[in-house]
Amino acid sequence: MMNNSDPTTNPNHPVVYQIRIKGHIGHEWEDWFGDLSITLEEDGDTLLTGPVVDQAALHGLLKRVRDLGMPLVSISPVEPGTTTTLARRGLRGTGRADVPDANP
């Protein structure tokens, strides 16, 4: 099996990912998602952004998204120092979870 890892990334540093899910979750879920920041978008999506140490940790985060019962929209690595427009404007969550029957 061939290893197609990106030679420009340092394996000793976590990759910052942005996980987009459909619907808003509240900031009380921050502990459940570890070092990821929660940003509520005006279009109704939630962005989870932060460092992920390896693929196993990424799969663990995706299981948590699945357990919320909210649709996964996208996952993408982001360049260090890049932020979303809304995060730069300081538009953050309301602290309300719009997830019925889900417990952190």
Protein backbone atom coordinates (compact mmCIF):
# COMPACT_ATOMS: atom_id res chain seq x y z
CA MET A 1 0.00 0.00 0.00
CA MET A 2 1.36 3.38 -0.98
CA ASN A 3 1.62 6.27 1.48
CA ASN A 4 0.26 9.38 -0.23
CA SER A 5 0.89 11.79 2.64
CA ASP A 6 1.57 15.40 1.84
CA PRO A 7 5.32 15.99 2.19
CA THR A 8 4.76 19.66 3.03
CA THR A 9 2.96 18.88 6.29
CA ASN A 10 4.87 18.18 9.46
CA PRO A 11 3.66 14.91 11.02
CA ASN A 12 4.60 16.24 14.47
CA HIS A 13 2.01 19.04 14.27
CA PRO A 14 -1.74 18.59 14.24
CA VAL A 15 -3.68 19.63 11.14
CA VAL A 16 -6.37 22.28 11.60
CA TYR A 17 -9.70 21.08 10.22
CA GLN A 18 -12.99 22.81 9.62
CA ILE A 19 -16.02 20.56 9.99
CA ARG A 20 -19.29 22.03 8.74
CA ILE A 21 -22.57 20.58 10.01
CA LYS A 22 -26.15 21.52 9.18
CA GLY A 23 -27.87 23.24 12.08
CA HIS A 24 -26.73 25.20 15.10
CA ILE A 25 -25.30 23.76 18.30
CA GLY A 26 -24.58 25.72 21.45
CA HIS A 27 -21.29 26.48 23.13
CA GLU A 28 -22.11 24.07 25.96
CA TRP A 29 -20.87 21.43 23.48
CA GLU A 30 -17.33 22.89 23.44
CA ASP A 31 -16.08 20.42 26.06
CA TRP A 32 -17.49 17.54 24.03
CA PHE A 33 -15.55 18.70 20.96
CA GLY A 34 -12.27 19.35 22.82
CA ASP A 35 -10.06 22.04 21.29
CA LEU A 36 -12.44 22.85 18.43
CA SER A 37 -14.09 26.25 18.37
CA ILE A 38 -17.78 26.44 17.55
CA THR A 39 -18.91 29.15 15.14
CA LEU A 40 -22.56 29.55 14.20
CA GLU A 41 -23.00 30.73 10.63
CA GLU A 42 -25.82 33.00 9.49
CA ASP A 43 -26.90 30.33 6.97
CA GLY A 44 -27.78 27.95 9.80
CA ASP A 45 -24.61 25.83 9.66
CA THR A 46 -22.14 25.28 12.50
CA LEU A 47 -18.39 25.30 11.92
CA LEU A 48 -16.17 23.25 14.21
CA THR A 49 -12.60 24.44 13.71
CA GLY A 50 -9.39 23.39 15.39
CA PRO A 51 -6.36 21.13 15.52
CA VAL A 52 -6.74 17.38 15.03
CA VAL A 53 -3.69 15.30 15.95
CA ASP A 54 -4.25 12.40 13.54
CA GLN A 55 -6.76 10.52 11.42
CA ALA A 56 -7.96 8.45 14.37
CA ALA A 57 -8.85 11.65 16.24
CA LEU A 58 -10.62 12.99 13.14
CA HIS A 59 -12.71 9.82 12.92
CA GLY A 60 -13.55 10.20 16.61
CA LEU A 61 -14.81 13.74 15.98
CA LEU A 62 -16.88 12.54 13.05
CA LYS A 63 -18.48 9.91 15.32
CA ARG A 64 -19.46 12.71 17.70
CA VAL A 65 -21.03 14.65 14.85
CA ARG A 66 -22.90 11.48 13.87
CA ASP A 67 -24.05 11.02 17.46
CA LEU A 68 -25.56 14.53 17.42
CA GLY A 69 -27.81 13.35 14.60
CA MET A 70 -26.97 16.40 12.51
CA PRO A 71 -26.05 16.19 8.82
CA LEU A 72 -22.36 16.51 7.98
CA VAL A 73 -21.91 19.10 5.22
CA SER A 74 -18.13 19.10 4.72
CA ILE A 75 -14.69 18.50 6.21
CA SER A 76 -11.62 20.35 5.05
CA PRO A 77 -8.14 21.07 6.32
CA VAL A 78 -7.42 24.80 6.63
CA GLU A 79 -4.17 26.65 6.27
CA PRO A 80 -2.67 27.81 9.58
CA GLY A 81 -3.71 31.37 10.37
CA THR A 82 -6.80 31.20 8.12
CA THR A 83 -10.11 32.11 9.72
CA THR A 84 -13.63 32.31 8.40
CA THR A 85 -15.16 35.66 7.63
CA LEU A 86 -17.73 35.26 10.39
CA ALA A 87 -15.13 34.27 12.97
CA ARG A 88 -13.12 37.39 12.11
CA ARG A 89 -16.27 39.49 12.59
CA GLY A 90 -16.80 37.89 15.99
CA LEU A 91 -20.16 36.32 15.15
CA ARG A 92 -20.25 33.40 17.54
CA GLY A 93 -22.86 31.08 18.94
CA THR A 94 -25.75 31.90 21.18
CA GLY A 95 -25.07 29.12 23.68
CA ARG A 96 -28.31 27.38 22.70
CA ALA A 97 -28.31 23.85 21.39
CA ASP A 98 -30.79 23.20 18.64
CA VAL A 99 -30.24 19.47 18.97
CA PRO A 100 -33.23 17.63 20.48
CA ASP A 101 -32.59 14.79 22.95
CA ALA A 102 -28.77 15.02 22.70
CA ASN A 103 -26.62 15.04 25.81
CA PRO A 104 -22.91 15.94 25.86
